[in-house]
């Protein structure tokens, strides 16, 4: 019974509380431009927090493919694997705005 209660308690935690330190470290590389947890402090750079995962991923893939205009994001996005871009999109979509 205690195991069931513990499992239910863990399931009730916000998903982002269960993310690995590696995912948080990966997302921290975006903080210089996009702000802590994806909340930009300027209107010159988009906030990522709370955007739909599919939208973030489409933009990242567009940067990487060179089909989305950018200053440096096209170079940065090329440095990430498909899995890393997926993790980043998922991470930022789960942050509160």
PDB file of N, CA and C in Angstrom:
ATOM      1  N   UNK A   1       0.823  -1.192   0.000  1.00  0.00           N
ATOM      2  CA  UNK A   1       0.000   0.000   0.000  1.00  0.00           C
ATOM      3  C   UNK A   1       0.866   1.256   0.000  1.00  0.00           C
ATOM      4  N   UNK A   2       1.961   1.248   0.793  1.00  0.00           N
ATOM      5  CA  UNK A   2       2.848   2.411   0.834  1.00  0.00           C
ATOM      6  C   UNK A   2       3.474   2.656  -0.532  1.00  0.00           C
ATOM      7  N   UNK A   3       3.773   1.585  -1.244  1.00  0.00           N
ATOM      8  CA  UNK A   3       4.360   1.713  -2.572  1.00  0.00           C
ATOM      9  C   UNK A   3       3.381   2.385  -3.538  1.00  0.00           C
ATOM     10  N   UNK A   4       2.124   2.034  -3.449  1.00  0.00           N
ATOM     11  CA  UNK A   4       1.101   2.643  -4.308  1.00  0.00           C
ATOM     12  C   UNK A   4       0.960   4.121  -3.988  1.00  0.00           C
ATOM     13  N   UNK A   5       0.961   4.480  -2.725  1.00  0.00           N
ATOM     14  CA  UNK A   5       0.845   5.880  -2.318  1.00  0.00           C
ATOM     15  C   UNK A   5       2.067   6.665  -2.803  1.00  0.00           C
ATOM     16  N   UNK A   6       3.250   6.079  -2.651  1.00  0.00           N
ATOM     17  CA  UNK A   6       4.472   6.747  -3.108  1.00  0.00           C
ATOM     18  C   UNK A   6       4.457   6.944  -4.618  1.00  0.00           C
ATOM     19  N   UNK A   7       4.010   5.947  -5.351  1.00  0.00           N
ATOM     20  CA  UNK A   7       3.932   6.060  -6.805  1.00  0.00           C
ATOM     21  C   UNK A   7       2.941   7.135  -7.212  1.00  0.00           C
ATOM     22  N   UNK A   8       1.824   7.210  -6.530  1.00  0.00           N
ATOM     23  CA  UNK A   8       0.823   8.230  -6.837  1.00  0.00           C
ATOM     24  C   UNK A   8       1.357   9.625  -6.533  1.00  0.00           C
ATOM     25  N   UNK A   9       2.105   9.757  -5.453  1.00  0.00           N
ATOM     26  CA  UNK A   9       2.688  11.051  -5.098  1.00  0.00           C
ATOM     27  C   UNK A   9       3.698  11.497  -6.147  1.00  0.00           C
ATOM     28  N   UNK A  10       4.526  10.577  -6.603  1.00  0.00           N
ATOM     29  CA  UNK A  10       5.499  10.905  -7.647  1.00  0.00           C
ATOM     30  C   UNK A  10       4.810  11.287  -8.953  1.00  0.00           C
ATOM     31  N   UNK A  11       3.762  10.600  -9.281  1.00  0.00           N
ATOM     32  CA  UNK A  11       3.031  10.893 -10.516  1.00  0.00           C
ATOM     33  C   UNK A  11       2.374  12.261 -10.450  1.00  0.00           C
ATOM     34  N   UNK A  12       2.065  12.713  -9.248  1.00  0.00           N
ATOM     35  CA  UNK A  12       1.409  14.008  -9.094  1.00  0.00           C
ATOM     36  C   UNK A  12       2.384  15.178  -9.181  1.00  0.00           C
ATOM     37  N   UNK A  13       3.679  14.911  -9.054  1.00  0.00           N
ATOM     38  CA  UNK A  13       4.664  15.977  -9.162  1.00  0.00           C
ATOM     39  C   UNK A  13       4.656  16.549 -10.568  1.00  0.00           C
ATOM     40  N   UNK A  14       4.944  17.840 -10.707  1.00  0.00           N
ATOM     41  CA  UNK A  14       5.052  18.395 -12.052  1.00  0.00           C
ATOM     42  C   UNK A  14       6.132  17.658 -12.827  1.00  0.00           C
ATOM     43  N   UNK A  15       5.895  17.454 -14.105  1.00  0.00           N
ATOM     44  CA  UNK A  15       6.837  16.705 -14.926  1.00  0.00           C
ATOM     45  C   UNK A  15       8.214  17.332 -14.890  1.00  0.00           C
ATOM     46  N   UNK A  16       8.293  18.650 -14.903  1.00  0.00           N
ATOM     47  CA  UNK A  16       9.606  19.275 -14.945  1.00  0.00           C
ATOM     48  C   UNK A  16      10.412  19.042 -13.678  1.00  0.00           C
ATOM     49  N   UNK A  17       9.778  18.684 -12.580  1.00  0.00           N
ATOM     50  CA  UNK A  17      10.507  18.386 -11.357  1.00  0.00           C
ATOM     51  C   UNK A  17      11.261  17.068 -11.479  1.00  0.00           C
ATOM     52  N   UNK A  18      10.857  16.222 -12.412  1.00  0.00           N
ATOM     53  CA  UNK A  18      11.473  14.913 -12.574  1.00  0.00           C
ATOM     54  C   UNK A  18      12.530  14.907 -13.681  1.00  0.00           C
ATOM     55  N   UNK A  19      12.797  16.053 -14.306  1.00  0.00           N
ATOM     56  CA  UNK A  19      13.742  16.104 -15.402  1.00  0.00           C
ATOM     57  C   UNK A  19      15.157  15.897 -14.890  1.00  0.00           C
ATOM     58  N   UNK A  20      15.968  15.336 -15.737  1.00  0.00           N
ATOM     59  CA  UNK A  20      17.336  15.041 -15.346  1.00  0.00           C
ATOM     60  C   UNK A  20      18.174  16.310 -15.312  1.00  0.00           C
ATOM     61  N   UNK A  21      19.225  16.300 -14.519  1.00  0.00           N
ATOM     62  CA  UNK A  21      20.145  17.430 -14.515  1.00  0.00           C
ATOM     63  C   UNK A  21      20.753  17.679 -15.902  1.00  0.00           C
ATOM     64  N   UNK A  22      20.910  16.629 -16.680  1.00  0.00           N
ATOM     65  CA  UNK A  22      21.473  16.785 -18.024  1.00  0.00           C
ATOM     66  C   UNK A  22      20.560  17.625 -18.911  1.00  0.00           C
ATOM     67  N   UNK A  23      19.262  17.437 -18.811  1.00  0.00           N
ATOM     68  CA  UNK A  23      18.317  18.221 -19.609  1.00  0.00           C
ATOM     69  C   UNK A  23      18.335  19.674 -19.145  1.00  0.00           C
ATOM     70  N   UNK A  24      18.369  19.892 -17.854  1.00  0.00           N
ATOM     71  CA  UNK A  24      18.422  21.259 -17.333  1.00  0.00           C
ATOM     72  C   UNK A  24      19.723  21.942 -17.752  1.00  0.00           C
ATOM     73  N   UNK A  25      20.824  21.210 -17.761  1.00  0.00           N
ATOM     74  CA  UNK A  25      22.108  21.768 -18.200  1.00  0.00           C
ATOM     75  C   UNK A  25      22.065  22.124 -19.678  1.00  0.00           C
ATOM     76  N   UNK A  26      21.472  21.270 -20.468  1.00  0.00           N
ATOM     77  CA  UNK A  26      21.328  21.531 -21.900  1.00  0.00           C
ATOM     78  C   UNK A  26      20.506  22.803 -22.112  1.00  0.00           C
ATOM     79  N   UNK A  27      19.415  22.931 -21.397  1.00  0.00           N
ATOM     80  CA  UNK A  27      18.552  24.109 -21.532  1.00  0.00           C
ATOM     81  C   UNK A  27      19.235  25.367 -21.016  1.00  0.00           C
ATOM     82  N   UNK A  28      20.132  25.225 -20.057  1.00  0.00           N
ATOM     83  CA  UNK A  28      20.842  26.387 -19.510  1.00  0.00           C
ATOM     84  C   UNK A  28      21.711  27.064 -20.563  1.00  0.00           C
ATOM     85  N   UNK A  29      22.089  26.340 -21.603  1.00  0.00           N
ATOM     86  CA  UNK A  29      22.902  26.937 -22.656  1.00  0.00           C
ATOM     87  C   UNK A  29      22.126  27.994 -23.439  1.00  0.00           C
ATOM     88  N   UNK A  30      20.815  28.007 -23.305  1.00  0.00           N
ATOM     89  CA  UNK A  30      19.961  28.970 -24.008  1.00  0.00           C
ATOM     90  C   UNK A  30      19.728  30.237 -23.190  1.00  0.00           C
ATOM     91  N   UNK A  31      20.113  30.212 -21.915  1.00  0.00           N
ATOM     92  CA  UNK A  31      19.776  31.291 -20.985  1.00  0.00           C
ATOM     93  C   UNK A  31      20.410  32.630 -21.348  1.00  0.00           C
ATOM     94  N   UNK A  32      21.598  32.625 -21.925  1.00  0.00           N
ATOM     95  CA  UNK A  32      22.243  33.906 -22.248  1.00  0.00           C
ATOM     96  C   UNK A  32      21.365  34.776 -23.129  1.00  0.00           C
ATOM     97  N   UNK A  33      20.671  34.183 -24.062  1.00  0.00           N
ATOM     98  CA  UNK A  33      19.826  34.954 -24.973  1.00  0.00           C
ATOM     99  C   UNK A  33      18.347  34.897 -24.598  1.00  0.00           C
ATOM    100  N   UNK A  34      17.876  33.714 -24.222  1.00  0.00           N
ATOM    101  CA  UNK A  34      16.439  33.510 -24.011  1.00  0.00           C
ATOM    102  C   UNK A  34      16.010  33.616 -22.552  1.00  0.00           C
ATOM    103  N   UNK A  35      16.938  33.911 -21.666  1.00  0.00           N
ATOM    104  CA  UNK A  35      16.616  34.113 -20.260  1.00  0.00           C
ATOM    105  C   UNK A  35      16.527  32.820 -19.471  1.00  0.00           C
ATOM    106  N   UNK A  36      16.587  32.975 -18.167  1.00  0.00           N
ATOM    107  CA  UNK A  36      16.497  31.835 -17.268  1.00  0.00           C
ATOM    108  C   UNK A  36      15.163  31.130 -17.468  1.00  0.00           C
ATOM    109  N   UNK A  37      15.219  29.828 -17.636  1.00  0.00           N
ATOM    110  CA  UNK A  37      14.027  29.001 -17.876  1.00  0.00           C
ATOM    111  C   UNK A  37      13.232  29.449 -19.098  1.00  0.00           C
ATOM    112  N   UNK A  38      13.920  30.107 -20.039  1.00  0.00           N
ATOM    113  CA  UNK A  38      13.270  30.472 -21.285  1.00  0.00           C
ATOM    114  C   UNK A  38      12.409  31.712 -21.217  1.00  0.00           C
ATOM    115  N   UNK A  39      12.557  32.511 -20.168  1.00  0.00           N
ATOM    116  CA  UNK A  39      11.786  33.743 -20.037  1.00  0.00           C
ATOM    117  C   UNK A  39      12.703  34.931 -20.330  1.00  0.00           C
ATOM    118  N   UNK A  40      12.649  35.403 -21.548  1.00  0.00           N
ATOM    119  CA  UNK A  40      13.500  36.495 -22.001  1.00  0.00           C
ATOM    120  C   UNK A  40      13.158  37.783 -21.266  1.00  0.00           C
ATOM    121  N   UNK A  41      14.173  38.600 -21.017  1.00  0.00           N
ATOM    122  CA  UNK A  41      13.947  39.881 -20.345  1.00  0.00           C
ATOM    123  C   UNK A  41      13.882  41.033 -21.347  1.00  0.00           C
ATOM    124  N   UNK A  42      13.966  40.709 -22.614  1.00  0.00           N
ATOM    125  CA  UNK A  42      13.901  41.718 -23.660  1.00  0.00           C
ATOM    126  C   UNK A  42      12.932  41.279 -24.754  1.00  0.00           C
ATOM    127  N   UNK A  43      12.405  42.227 -25.475  1.00  0.00           N
ATOM    128  CA  UNK A  43      11.513  41.882 -26.576  1.00  0.00           C
ATOM    129  C   UNK A  43      12.295  41.554 -27.849  1.00  0.00           C
ATOM    130  N   UNK A  44      13.605  41.790 -27.822  1.00  0.00           N
ATOM    131  CA  UNK A  44      14.438  41.497 -28.991  1.00  0.00           C
ATOM    132  C   UNK A  44      14.650  40.001 -29.213  1.00  0.00           C
ATOM    133  N   UNK A  45      14.535  39.225 -28.143  1.00  0.00           N
ATOM    134  CA  UNK A  45      14.730  37.778 -28.213  1.00  0.00           C
ATOM    135  C   UNK A  45      13.472  37.108 -27.663  1.00  0.00           C
ATOM    136  N   UNK A  46      12.985  36.133 -28.389  1.00  0.00           N
ATOM    137  CA  UNK A  46      11.741  35.465 -28.002  1.00  0.00           C
ATOM    138  C   UNK A  46      11.875  34.692 -26.698  1.00  0.00           C
ATOM    139  N   UNK A  47      10.830  34.757 -25.888  1.00  0.00           N
ATOM    140  CA  UNK A  47      10.730  33.870 -24.733  1.00  0.00           C
ATOM    141  C   UNK A  47      10.287  32.508 -25.243  1.00  0.00           C
ATOM    142  N   UNK A  48      10.826  31.466 -24.656  1.00  0.00           N
ATOM    143  CA  UNK A  48      10.494  30.110 -25.061  1.00  0.00           C
ATOM    144  C   UNK A  48       9.537  29.438 -24.088  1.00  0.00           C
ATOM    145  N   UNK A  49       9.523  29.919 -22.857  1.00  0.00           N
ATOM    146  CA  UNK A  49       8.729  29.301 -21.800  1.00  0.00           C
ATOM    147  C   UNK A  49       7.252  29.266 -22.159  1.00  0.00           C
ATOM    148  N   UNK A  50       6.688  28.092 -22.061  1.00  0.00           N
ATOM    149  CA  UNK A  50       5.257  27.915 -22.251  1.00  0.00           C
ATOM    150  C   UNK A  50       4.782  27.843 -23.689  1.00  0.00           C
ATOM    151  N   UNK A  51       5.695  27.958 -24.651  1.00  0.00           N
ATOM    152  CA  UNK A  51       5.289  27.806 -26.044  1.00  0.00           C
ATOM    153  C   UNK A  51       5.006  26.335 -26.333  1.00  0.00           C
ATOM    154  N   UNK A  52       4.142  26.050 -27.278  1.00  0.00           N
ATOM    155  CA  UNK A  52       3.882  24.643 -27.619  1.00  0.00           C
ATOM    156  C   UNK A  52       5.154  23.942 -28.106  1.00  0.00           C
ATOM    157  N   UNK A  53       5.343  22.731 -27.650  1.00  0.00           N
ATOM    158  CA  UNK A  53       6.529  21.946 -27.992  1.00  0.00           C
ATOM    159  C   UNK A  53       6.724  21.849 -29.501  1.00  0.00           C
ATOM    160  N   UNK A  54       5.660  21.562 -30.223  1.00  0.00           N
ATOM    161  CA  UNK A  54       5.768  21.408 -31.676  1.00  0.00           C
ATOM    162  C   UNK A  54       6.217  22.691 -32.354  1.00  0.00           C
ATOM    163  N   UNK A  55       5.776  23.842 -31.823  1.00  0.00           N
ATOM    164  CA  UNK A  55       6.195  25.124 -32.391  1.00  0.00           C
ATOM    165  C   UNK A  55       7.685  25.369 -32.153  1.00  0.00           C
ATOM    166  N   UNK A  56       8.137  25.106 -30.941  1.00  0.00           N
ATOM    167  CA  UNK A  56       9.555  25.283 -30.627  1.00  0.00           C
ATOM    168  C   UNK A  56      10.399  24.371 -31.506  1.00  0.00           C
ATOM    169  N   UNK A  57       9.994  23.128 -31.606  1.00  0.00           N
ATOM    170  CA  UNK A  57      10.756  22.159 -32.391  1.00  0.00           C
ATOM    171  C   UNK A  57      10.779  22.544 -33.873  1.00  0.00           C
ATOM    172  N   UNK A  58       9.662  23.014 -34.393  1.00  0.00           N
ATOM    173  CA  UNK A  58       9.620  23.438 -35.799  1.00  0.00           C
ATOM    174  C   UNK A  58      10.559  24.617 -36.039  1.00  0.00           C
ATOM    175  N   UNK A  59      10.589  25.556 -35.115  1.00  0.00           N
ATOM    176  CA  UNK A  59      11.487  26.700 -35.252  1.00  0.00           C
ATOM    177  C   UNK A  59      12.945  26.262 -35.178  1.00  0.00           C
ATOM    178  N   UNK A  60      13.267  25.395 -34.221  1.00  0.00           N
ATOM    179  CA  UNK A  60      14.641  24.908 -34.098  1.00  0.00           C
ATOM    180  C   UNK A  60      15.079  24.174 -35.364  1.00  0.00           C
ATOM    181  N   UNK A  61      14.204  23.352 -35.892  1.00  0.00           N
ATOM    182  CA  UNK A  61      14.532  22.626 -37.125  1.00  0.00           C
ATOM    183  C   UNK A  61      14.655  23.577 -38.310  1.00  0.00           C
ATOM    184  N   UNK A  62      13.848  24.626 -38.325  1.00  0.00           N
ATOM    185  CA  UNK A  62      13.958  25.636 -39.376  1.00  0.00           C
ATOM    186  C   UNK A  62      15.277  26.383 -39.306  1.00  0.00           C
ATOM    187  N   UNK A  63      15.707  26.710 -38.092  1.00  0.00           N
ATOM    188  CA  UNK A  63      17.016  27.343 -37.931  1.00  0.00           C
ATOM    189  C   UNK A  63      18.118  26.416 -38.435  1.00  0.00           C
ATOM    190  N   UNK A  64      18.033  25.162 -38.013  1.00  0.00           N
ATOM    191  CA  UNK A  64      19.070  24.190 -38.376  1.00  0.00           C
ATOM    192  C   UNK A  64      19.118  23.964 -39.887  1.00  0.00           C
ATOM    193  N   UNK A  65      17.965  23.966 -40.527  1.00  0.00           N
ATOM    194  CA  UNK A  65      17.903  23.745 -41.974  1.00  0.00           C
ATOM    195  C   UNK A  65      18.241  25.008 -42.768  1.00  0.00           C
ATOM    196  N   UNK A  66      18.262  26.153 -42.081  1.00  0.00           N
ATOM    197  CA  UNK A  66      18.552  27.406 -42.758  1.00  0.00           C
ATOM    198  C   UNK A  66      17.340  28.019 -43.442  1.00  0.00           C
ATOM    199  N   UNK A  67      16.154  27.495 -43.167  1.00  0.00           N
ATOM    200  CA  UNK A  67      14.937  28.006 -43.793  1.00  0.00           C
ATOM    201  C   UNK A  67      14.247  29.073 -42.947  1.00  0.00           C
ATOM    202  N   UNK A  68      14.706  29.280 -41.739  1.00  0.00           N
ATOM    203  CA  UNK A  68      14.151  30.305 -40.856  1.00  0.00           C
ATOM    204  C   UNK A  68      15.237  31.370 -40.659  1.00  0.00           C
ATOM    205  N   UNK A  69      14.911  32.639 -40.886  1.00  0.00           N
ATOM    206  CA  UNK A  69      15.913  33.696 -40.735  1.00  0.00           C
ATOM    207  C   UNK A  69      16.466  33.751 -39.313  1.00  0.00           C
ATOM    208  N   UNK A  70      17.757  34.019 -39.216  1.00  0.00           N
ATOM    209  CA  UNK A  70      18.400  34.083 -37.904  1.00  0.00           C
ATOM    210  C   UNK A  70      19.705  34.849 -37.999  1.00  0.00           C
ATOM    211  N   UNK A  71      20.175  35.278 -36.848  1.00  0.00           N
ATOM    212  CA  UNK A  71      21.503  35.864 -36.790  1.00  0.00           C
ATOM    213  C   UNK A  71      22.512  34.773 -36.430  1.00  0.00           C
ATOM    214  N   UNK A  72      22.299  34.125 -35.300  1.00  0.00           N
ATOM    215  CA  UNK A  72      23.219  33.063 -34.887  1.00  0.00           C
ATOM    216  C   UNK A  72      22.527  31.721 -34.649  1.00  0.00           C
ATOM    217  N   UNK A  73      21.199  31.719 -34.552  1.00  0.00           N
ATOM    218  CA  UNK A  73      20.507  30.473 -34.220  1.00  0.00           C
ATOM    219  C   UNK A  73      20.723  29.372 -35.253  1.00  0.00           C
ATOM    220  N   UNK A  74      20.890  29.724 -36.512  1.00  0.00           N
ATOM    221  CA  UNK A  74      21.125  28.675 -37.510  1.00  0.00           C
ATOM    222  C   UNK A  74      22.443  27.959 -37.231  1.00  0.00           C
ATOM    223  N   UNK A  75      23.434  28.669 -36.732  1.00  0.00           N
ATOM    224  CA  UNK A  75      24.711  28.039 -36.378  1.00  0.00           C
ATOM    225  C   UNK A  75      24.585  27.231 -35.088  1.00  0.00           C
ATOM    226  N   UNK A  76      23.887  27.781 -34.120  1.00  0.00           N
ATOM    227  CA  UNK A  76      23.730  27.104 -32.827  1.00  0.00           C
ATOM    228  C   UNK A  76      22.926  25.820 -32.991  1.00  0.00           C
ATOM    229  N   UNK A  77      21.824  25.887 -33.716  1.00  0.00           N
ATOM    230  CA  UNK A  77      20.936  24.728 -33.871  1.00  0.00           C
ATOM    231  C   UNK A  77      21.632  23.562 -34.563  1.00  0.00           C
ATOM    232  N   UNK A  78      22.577  23.854 -35.429  1.00  0.00           N
ATOM    233  CA  UNK A  78      23.306  22.782 -36.117  1.00  0.00           C
ATOM    234  C   UNK A  78      24.164  21.970 -35.162  1.00  0.00           C
ATOM    235  N   UNK A  79      24.448  22.505 -33.989  1.00  0.00           N
ATOM    236  CA  UNK A  79      25.275  21.807 -33.013  1.00  0.00           C
ATOM    237  C   UNK A  79      24.525  20.809 -32.149  1.00  0.00           C
ATOM    238  N   UNK A  80      23.222  20.715 -32.336  1.00  0.00           N
ATOM    239  CA  UNK A  80      22.418  19.807 -31.521  1.00  0.00           C
ATOM    240  C   UNK A  80      21.884  18.646 -32.353  1.00  0.00           C
ATOM    241  N   UNK A  81      21.760  17.502 -31.718  1.00  0.00           N
ATOM    242  CA  UNK A  81      21.173  16.328 -32.376  1.00  0.00           C
ATOM    243  C   UNK A  81      19.649  16.471 -32.396  1.00  0.00           C
ATOM    244  N   UNK A  82      18.995  15.616 -33.159  1.00  0.00           N
ATOM    245  CA  UNK A  82      17.526  15.597 -33.175  1.00  0.00           C
ATOM    246  C   UNK A  82      16.977  15.373 -31.776  1.00  0.00           C
ATOM    247  N   UNK A  83      17.588  14.452 -31.048  1.00  0.00           N
ATOM    248  CA  UNK A  83      17.123  14.135 -29.696  1.00  0.00           C
ATOM    249  C   UNK A  83      17.305  15.340 -28.765  1.00  0.00           C
ATOM    250  N   UNK A  84      18.408  16.040 -28.881  1.00  0.00           N
ATOM    251  CA  UNK A  84      18.624  17.204 -28.034  1.00  0.00           C
ATOM    252  C   UNK A  84      17.620  18.319 -28.343  1.00  0.00           C
ATOM    253  N   UNK A  85      17.326  18.534 -29.613  1.00  0.00           N
ATOM    254  CA  UNK A  85      16.329  19.540 -29.967  1.00  0.00           C
ATOM    255  C   UNK A  85      14.960  19.159 -29.417  1.00  0.00           C
ATOM    256  N   UNK A  86      14.645  17.888 -29.482  1.00  0.00           N
ATOM    257  CA  UNK A  86      13.376  17.390 -28.923  1.00  0.00           C
ATOM    258  C   UNK A  86      13.323  17.638 -27.413  1.00  0.00           C
ATOM    259  N   UNK A  87      14.418  17.351 -26.725  1.00  0.00           N
ATOM    260  CA  UNK A  87      14.478  17.573 -25.280  1.00  0.00           C
ATOM    261  C   UNK A  87      14.336  19.054 -24.937  1.00  0.00           C
ATOM    262  N   UNK A  88      15.008  19.906 -25.698  1.00  0.00           N
ATOM    263  CA  UNK A  88      14.906  21.344 -25.454  1.00  0.00           C
ATOM    264  C   UNK A  88      13.481  21.843 -25.672  1.00  0.00           C
ATOM    265  N   UNK A  89      12.864  21.420 -26.757  1.00  0.00           N
ATOM    266  CA  UNK A  89      11.494  21.847 -27.043  1.00  0.00           C
ATOM    267  C   UNK A  89      10.547  21.387 -25.935  1.00  0.00           C
ATOM    268  N   UNK A  90      10.721  20.171 -25.479  1.00  0.00           N
ATOM    269  CA  UNK A  90       9.878  19.638 -24.416  1.00  0.00           C
ATOM    270  C   UNK A  90      10.112  20.414 -23.122  1.00  0.00           C
ATOM    271  N   UNK A  91      11.370  20.655 -22.787  1.00  0.00           N
ATOM    272  CA  UNK A  91      11.726  21.364 -21.558  1.00  0.00           C
ATOM    273  C   UNK A  91      11.084  22.750 -21.527  1.00  0.00           C
ATOM    274  N   UNK A  92      11.287  23.528 -22.581  1.00  0.00           N
ATOM    275  CA  UNK A  92      10.778  24.897 -22.568  1.00  0.00           C
ATOM    276  C   UNK A  92       9.256  24.950 -22.663  1.00  0.00           C
ATOM    277  N   UNK A  93       8.658  23.989 -23.309  1.00  0.00           N
ATOM    278  CA  UNK A  93       7.199  23.992 -23.385  1.00  0.00           C
ATOM    279  C   UNK A  93       6.565  23.757 -22.020  1.00  0.00           C
ATOM    280  N   UNK A  94       7.304  23.168 -21.119  1.00  0.00           N
ATOM    281  CA  UNK A  94       6.786  22.876 -19.770  1.00  0.00           C
ATOM    282  C   UNK A  94       7.061  23.983 -18.759  1.00  0.00           C
ATOM    283  N   UNK A  95       7.817  24.994 -19.135  1.00  0.00           N
ATOM    284  CA  UNK A  95       8.100  26.101 -18.204  1.00  0.00           C
ATOM    285  C   UNK A  95       6.895  27.035 -18.160  1.00  0.00           C
ATOM    286  N   UNK A  96       6.612  27.563 -16.987  1.00  0.00           N
ATOM    287  CA  UNK A  96       5.547  28.557 -16.898  1.00  0.00           C
ATOM    288  C   UNK A  96       5.983  29.854 -17.582  1.00  0.00           C
ATOM    289  N   UNK A  97       5.052  30.542 -18.190  1.00  0.00           N
ATOM    290  CA  UNK A  97       5.367  31.802 -18.891  1.00  0.00           C
ATOM    291  C   UNK A  97       5.829  32.834 -17.932  1.00  0.00           C
TER     292      UNK A  97
END
